[in-house]
Amino acid sequence: MHTNKNLIAKHFGLRGVAVLEAGKGLFGLALGVWLVTLRHKDLETVAAHLLYFLHRVLHLSPDSHIAHTIMRGAARVNHENIHLWALFAFAYTAIRFTEGVGLWLEKQWAEWFAVISCSSYTPYLVLEVRRHNNLFTWGGLVINTLILCYLAWLLWDSHKSRKQAEAALSEPVEPAAEV
């Protein structure tokens, strides 16, 4: 019975994480395509229009941290490096989709890949919580930590199962008693 629970937890849990990773991949793809379309536009005007849109639709304050982050990002992107930023977005997309497909197919390499990926985000998320103590930064850190703990549990459970199977195979088999 314990094994069936683990199989169900593994199957649905990995599918959930795979969908999350694919969603991040779609975001990266949209960002990469959008950056490519901006190569002949005034980037500061585009950033101002984006802020106006976010203010009108999401009621985002122009003085908010997110607004300032968008403007700082727009200041870093210029016509000389926009292709490089788009390339980074497409590379991010490829990584997220690869991880998502591997997790969907329940491949152990993808579980390890996801653990490494989640672990690499953790220091940044902790710094963000310290800098900007709000619901979004805490939410990112908590979700990342839960996924990391879940994947570590899966890998540990898989390791224990392999060790038990190896131990069962290495036990000597007694010959059947003659009747």
C-alpha atoms as a PDB file:
ATOM      1  CA  MET A   1       0.000   0.000   0.000  1.00  0.00           C
ATOM      2  CA  HIS A   2       2.861   2.370   0.811  1.00  0.00           C
ATOM      3  CA  THR A   3       4.302   1.859  -2.671  1.00  0.00           C
ATOM      4  CA  ASN A   4       0.994   2.757  -4.365  1.00  0.00           C
ATOM      5  CA  LYS A   5       0.845   6.025  -2.398  1.00  0.00           C
ATOM      6  CA  ASN A   6       4.396   6.836  -3.490  1.00  0.00           C
ATOM      7  CA  LEU A   7       3.562   6.057  -7.126  1.00  0.00           C
ATOM      8  CA  ILE A   8       0.502   8.304  -7.027  1.00  0.00           C
ATOM      9  CA  ALA A   9       2.428  11.081  -5.237  1.00  0.00           C
ATOM     10  CA  LYS A  10       5.244  10.747  -7.732  1.00  0.00           C
ATOM     11  CA  HIS A  11       3.012  10.676 -10.795  1.00  0.00           C
ATOM     12  CA  PHE A  12       0.790  13.637  -9.938  1.00  0.00           C
ATOM     13  CA  GLY A  13       3.489  15.626  -8.177  1.00  0.00           C
ATOM     14  CA  LEU A  14       5.909  15.365 -11.074  1.00  0.00           C
ATOM     15  CA  ARG A  15       3.155  16.265 -13.513  1.00  0.00           C
ATOM     16  CA  GLY A  16       2.375  19.381 -11.470  1.00  0.00           C
ATOM     17  CA  VAL A  17       6.008  20.470 -11.381  1.00  0.00           C
ATOM     18  CA  ALA A  18       6.293  19.694 -15.118  1.00  0.00           C
ATOM     19  CA  VAL A  19       3.327  21.966 -15.877  1.00  0.00           C
ATOM     20  CA  LEU A  20       4.886  24.734 -13.749  1.00  0.00           C
ATOM     21  CA  GLU A  21       8.188  24.384 -15.622  1.00  0.00           C
ATOM     22  CA  ALA A  22       6.408  24.395 -18.987  1.00  0.00           C
ATOM     23  CA  GLY A  23       4.584  27.559 -17.909  1.00  0.00           C
ATOM     24  CA  LYS A  24       7.896  29.215 -17.106  1.00  0.00           C
ATOM     25  CA  GLY A  25       9.131  28.015 -20.499  1.00  0.00           C
ATOM     26  CA  LEU A  26       6.141  29.627 -22.218  1.00  0.00           C
ATOM     27  CA  PHE A  27       6.895  32.870 -20.397  1.00  0.00           C
ATOM     28  CA  GLY A  28      10.516  32.699 -21.610  1.00  0.00           C
ATOM     29  CA  LEU A  29       9.357  31.986 -25.156  1.00  0.00           C
ATOM     30  CA  ALA A  30       6.940  34.922 -25.128  1.00  0.00           C
ATOM     31  CA  LEU A  31       9.655  37.189 -23.734  1.00  0.00           C
ATOM     32  CA  GLY A  32      12.163  36.043 -26.386  1.00  0.00           C
ATOM     33  CA  VAL A  33       9.710  36.580 -29.247  1.00  0.00           C
ATOM     34  CA  TRP A  34       8.707  39.970 -27.827  1.00  0.00           C
ATOM     35  CA  LEU A  35      12.364  41.033 -27.573  1.00  0.00           C
ATOM     36  CA  VAL A  36      12.986  40.045 -31.195  1.00  0.00           C
ATOM     37  CA  THR A  37      10.009  42.167 -32.285  1.00  0.00           C
ATOM     38  CA  LEU A  38      11.477  45.190 -30.453  1.00  0.00           C
ATOM     39  CA  ARG A  39      14.740  45.320 -32.374  1.00  0.00           C
ATOM     40  CA  HIS A  40      13.720  48.408 -34.392  1.00  0.00           C
ATOM     41  CA  LYS A  41      11.701  50.239 -31.743  1.00  0.00           C
ATOM     42  CA  ASP A  42      12.510  52.880 -29.139  1.00  0.00           C
ATOM     43  CA  LEU A  43      12.935  50.723 -26.039  1.00  0.00           C
ATOM     44  CA  GLU A  44      12.295  53.465 -23.488  1.00  0.00           C
ATOM     45  CA  THR A  45       8.991  54.268 -25.175  1.00  0.00           C
ATOM     46  CA  VAL A  46       8.102  50.565 -25.154  1.00  0.00           C
ATOM     47  CA  ALA A  47       8.900  50.381 -21.417  1.00  0.00           C
ATOM     48  CA  ALA A  48       6.778  53.475 -20.748  1.00  0.00           C
ATOM     49  CA  HIS A  49       3.860  51.942 -22.698  1.00  0.00           C
ATOM     50  CA  LEU A  50       4.266  48.699 -20.757  1.00  0.00           C
ATOM     51  CA  LEU A  51       4.172  50.562 -17.443  1.00  0.00           C
ATOM     52  CA  TYR A  52       1.108  52.493 -18.573  1.00  0.00           C
ATOM     53  CA  PHE A  53      -0.594  49.223 -19.537  1.00  0.00           C
ATOM     54  CA  LEU A  54       0.308  47.610 -16.191  1.00  0.00           C
ATOM     55  CA  HIS A  55      -0.973  50.674 -14.343  1.00  0.00           C
ATOM     56  CA  ARG A  56      -4.289  50.738 -16.240  1.00  0.00           C
ATOM     57  CA  VAL A  57      -4.951  46.976 -16.232  1.00  0.00           C
ATOM     58  CA  LEU A  58      -3.320  45.730 -13.011  1.00  0.00           C
ATOM     59  CA  HIS A  59      -3.399  49.056 -11.122  1.00  0.00           C
ATOM     60  CA  LEU A  60       0.364  48.788 -10.659  1.00  0.00           C
ATOM     61  CA  SER A  61       1.792  51.918  -9.083  1.00  0.00           C
ATOM     62  CA  PRO A  62       4.495  53.633 -11.167  1.00  0.00           C
ATOM     63  CA  ASP A  63       6.497  53.974  -7.927  1.00  0.00           C
ATOM     64  CA  SER A  64       6.342  50.252  -7.140  1.00  0.00           C
ATOM     65  CA  HIS A  65       9.297  47.895  -7.048  1.00  0.00           C
ATOM     66  CA  ILE A  66       8.010  46.075 -10.151  1.00  0.00           C
ATOM     67  CA  ALA A  67       7.786  49.323 -12.121  1.00  0.00           C
ATOM     68  CA  HIS A  68      11.322  50.288 -11.146  1.00  0.00           C
ATOM     69  CA  THR A  69      12.557  46.791 -12.062  1.00  0.00           C
ATOM     70  CA  ILE A  70      10.973  47.105 -15.519  1.00  0.00           C
ATOM     71  CA  MET A  71      12.614  50.474 -16.088  1.00  0.00           C
ATOM     72  CA  ARG A  72      16.025  49.193 -14.919  1.00  0.00           C
ATOM     73  CA  GLY A  73      15.625  46.197 -17.242  1.00  0.00           C
ATOM     74  CA  ALA A  74      14.696  48.459 -20.134  1.00  0.00           C
ATOM     75  CA  ALA A  75      17.777  50.572 -19.449  1.00  0.00           C
ATOM     76  CA  ARG A  76      19.997  47.461 -19.768  1.00  0.00           C
ATOM     77  CA  VAL A  77      18.486  46.387 -23.070  1.00  0.00           C
ATOM     78  CA  ASN A  78      19.592  48.312 -26.127  1.00  0.00           C
ATOM     79  CA  HIS A  79      19.698  47.712 -29.870  1.00  0.00           C
ATOM     80  CA  GLU A  80      23.225  46.314 -29.650  1.00  0.00           C
ATOM     81  CA  ASN A  81      22.379  43.607 -27.098  1.00  0.00           C
ATOM     82  CA  ILE A  82      18.675  42.904 -27.627  1.00  0.00           C
ATOM     83  CA  HIS A  83      19.509  39.799 -29.663  1.00  0.00           C
ATOM     84  CA  LEU A  84      21.659  38.526 -26.796  1.00  0.00           C
ATOM     85  CA  TRP A  85      18.787  39.050 -24.325  1.00  0.00           C
ATOM     86  CA  ALA A  86      16.430  37.241 -26.715  1.00  0.00           C
ATOM     87  CA  LEU A  87      18.956  34.405 -26.991  1.00  0.00           C
ATOM     88  CA  PHE A  88      19.052  34.151 -23.173  1.00  0.00           C
ATOM     89  CA  ALA A  89      15.253  34.010 -23.116  1.00  0.00           C
ATOM     90  CA  PHE A  90      15.214  31.231 -25.738  1.00  0.00           C
ATOM     91  CA  ALA A  91      17.931  29.295 -23.851  1.00  0.00           C
ATOM     92  CA  TYR A  92      15.869  29.638 -20.663  1.00  0.00           C
ATOM     93  CA  THR A  93      12.860  28.351 -22.621  1.00  0.00           C
ATOM     94  CA  ALA A  94      14.787  25.322 -23.862  1.00  0.00           C
ATOM     95  CA  ILE A  95      15.957  24.498 -20.338  1.00  0.00           C
ATOM     96  CA  ARG A  96      12.463  24.851 -18.837  1.00  0.00           C
ATOM     97  CA  PHE A  97      10.832  22.765 -21.607  1.00  0.00           C
ATOM     98  CA  THR A  98      13.516  20.072 -21.342  1.00  0.00           C
ATOM     99  CA  GLU A  99      13.025  19.887 -17.591  1.00  0.00           C
ATOM    100  CA  GLY A 100       9.236  19.909 -17.958  1.00  0.00           C
ATOM    101  CA  VAL A 101       9.181  17.095 -20.525  1.00  0.00           C
ATOM    102  CA  GLY A 102      11.624  15.015 -18.488  1.00  0.00           C
ATOM    103  CA  LEU A 103       9.512  15.434 -15.357  1.00  0.00           C
ATOM    104  CA  TRP A 104       6.300  14.677 -17.273  1.00  0.00           C
ATOM    105  CA  LEU A 105       7.893  11.441 -18.492  1.00  0.00           C
ATOM    106  CA  GLU A 106       9.080  10.753 -14.910  1.00  0.00           C
ATOM    107  CA  LYS A 107      12.757  10.539 -15.847  1.00  0.00           C
ATOM    108  CA  GLN A 108      15.143  10.456 -12.919  1.00  0.00           C
ATOM    109  CA  TRP A 109      17.673  12.694 -14.701  1.00  0.00           C
ATOM    110  CA  ALA A 110      14.953  15.377 -14.827  1.00  0.00           C
ATOM    111  CA  GLU A 111      14.379  15.055 -11.083  1.00  0.00           C
ATOM    112  CA  TRP A 112      18.105  15.674 -10.494  1.00  0.00           C
ATOM    113  CA  PHE A 113      18.050  18.511 -13.018  1.00  0.00           C
ATOM    114  CA  ALA A 114      15.083  20.084 -11.223  1.00  0.00           C
ATOM    115  CA  VAL A 115      16.796  19.768  -7.819  1.00  0.00           C
ATOM    116  CA  ILE A 116      19.874  21.533  -9.181  1.00  0.00           C
ATOM    117  CA  SER A 117      17.695  24.165 -10.835  1.00  0.00           C
ATOM    118  CA  CYS A 118      15.616  24.809  -7.695  1.00  0.00           C
ATOM    119  CA  SER A 119      18.744  24.910  -5.554  1.00  0.00           C
ATOM    120  CA  SER A 120      20.335  27.498  -7.822  1.00  0.00           C
ATOM    121  CA  TYR A 121      17.310  29.825  -7.429  1.00  0.00           C
ATOM    122  CA  THR A 122      17.151  29.553  -3.648  1.00  0.00           C
ATOM    123  CA  PRO A 123      19.924  32.053  -2.733  1.00  0.00           C
ATOM    124  CA  TYR A 124      18.426  34.643  -5.102  1.00  0.00           C
ATOM    125  CA  LEU A 125      14.949  34.111  -3.637  1.00  0.00           C
ATOM    126  CA  VAL A 126      16.273  34.485  -0.087  1.00  0.00           C
ATOM    127  CA  LEU A 127      17.952  37.769  -1.061  1.00  0.00           C
ATOM    128  CA  GLU A 128      14.736  38.976  -2.683  1.00  0.00           C
ATOM    129  CA  VAL A 129      12.784  38.212   0.509  1.00  0.00           C
ATOM    130  CA  ARG A 130      15.349  40.173   2.511  1.00  0.00           C
ATOM    131  CA  ARG A 131      15.256  43.124   0.073  1.00  0.00           C
ATOM    132  CA  HIS A 132      11.521  43.134  -0.647  1.00  0.00           C
ATOM    133  CA  ASN A 133       9.579  41.429   2.105  1.00  0.00           C
ATOM    134  CA  ASN A 134       6.205  40.938   0.402  1.00  0.00           C
ATOM    135  CA  LEU A 135       3.718  38.257  -0.589  1.00  0.00           C
ATOM    136  CA  PHE A 136       5.277  37.665  -4.026  1.00  0.00           C
ATOM    137  CA  THR A 137       8.837  37.139  -2.823  1.00  0.00           C
ATOM    138  CA  TRP A 138       7.712  34.921   0.054  1.00  0.00           C
ATOM    139  CA  GLY A 139       5.431  32.993  -2.305  1.00  0.00           C
ATOM    140  CA  GLY A 140       8.312  32.353  -4.694  1.00  0.00           C
ATOM    141  CA  LEU A 141      10.575  31.187  -1.885  1.00  0.00           C
ATOM    142  CA  VAL A 142       7.926  28.927  -0.318  1.00  0.00           C
ATOM    143  CA  ILE A 143       6.940  27.341  -3.648  1.00  0.00           C
ATOM    144  CA  ASN A 144      10.587  26.817  -4.589  1.00  0.00           C
ATOM    145  CA  THR A 145      11.340  25.261  -1.192  1.00  0.00           C
ATOM    146  CA  LEU A 146       8.305  22.957  -1.341  1.00  0.00           C
ATOM    147  CA  ILE A 147       9.260  21.757  -4.830  1.00  0.00           C
ATOM    148  CA  LEU A 148      12.853  21.255  -3.718  1.00  0.00           C
ATOM    149  CA  CYS A 149      11.781  19.223  -0.657  1.00  0.00           C
ATOM    150  CA  TYR A 150       9.343  17.179  -2.749  1.00  0.00           C
ATOM    151  CA  LEU A 151      11.979  16.342  -5.357  1.00  0.00           C
ATOM    152  CA  ALA A 152      14.546  15.500  -2.677  1.00  0.00           C
ATOM    153  CA  TRP A 153      11.984  13.158  -1.077  1.00  0.00           C
ATOM    154  CA  LEU A 154      11.356  11.480  -4.443  1.00  0.00           C
ATOM    155  CA  LEU A 155      15.052  10.974  -5.069  1.00  0.00           C
ATOM    156  CA  TRP A 156      15.599   9.654  -1.536  1.00  0.00           C
ATOM    157  CA  ASP A 157      12.630   7.268  -1.872  1.00  0.00           C
ATOM    158  CA  SER A 158      13.949   6.054  -5.229  1.00  0.00           C
ATOM    159  CA  HIS A 159      17.392   5.502  -3.698  1.00  0.00           C
ATOM    160  CA  LYS A 160      15.903   3.501  -0.801  1.00  0.00           C
ATOM    161  CA  SER A 161      13.852   1.372  -3.216  1.00  0.00           C
ATOM    162  CA  ARG A 162      16.933   0.607  -5.308  1.00  0.00           C
ATOM    163  CA  LYS A 163      18.937  -0.356  -2.226  1.00  0.00           C
ATOM    164  CA  GLN A 164      16.132  -2.650  -1.038  1.00  0.00           C
ATOM    165  CA  ALA A 165      15.924  -4.287  -4.467  1.00  0.00           C
ATOM    166  CA  GLU A 166      19.705  -4.801  -4.540  1.00  0.00           C
ATOM    167  CA  ALA A 167      19.615  -6.312  -1.050  1.00  0.00           C
ATOM    168  CA  ALA A 168      16.808  -8.676  -2.068  1.00  0.00           C
ATOM    169  CA  LEU A 169      18.765  -9.791  -5.135  1.00  0.00           C
ATOM    170  CA  SER A 170      21.957 -10.378  -3.177  1.00  0.00           C
ATOM    171  CA  GLU A 171      20.295 -12.672  -0.608  1.00  0.00           C
ATOM    172  CA  PRO A 172      21.114 -16.338  -1.240  1.00  0.00           C
ATOM    173  CA  VAL A 173      18.241 -18.382  -2.559  1.00  0.00           C
ATOM    174  CA  GLU A 174      17.624 -21.583  -0.656  1.00  0.00           C
ATOM    175  CA  PRO A 175      16.911 -24.622  -2.777  1.00  0.00           C
ATOM    176  CA  ALA A 176      13.388 -25.989  -2.544  1.00  0.00           C
ATOM    177  CA  ALA A 177      12.999 -28.900  -0.153  1.00  0.00           C
ATOM    178  CA  GLU A 178      12.396 -32.251  -1.780  1.00  0.00           C
ATOM    179  CA  VAL A 179       9.128 -33.946  -0.982  1.00  0.00           C
END
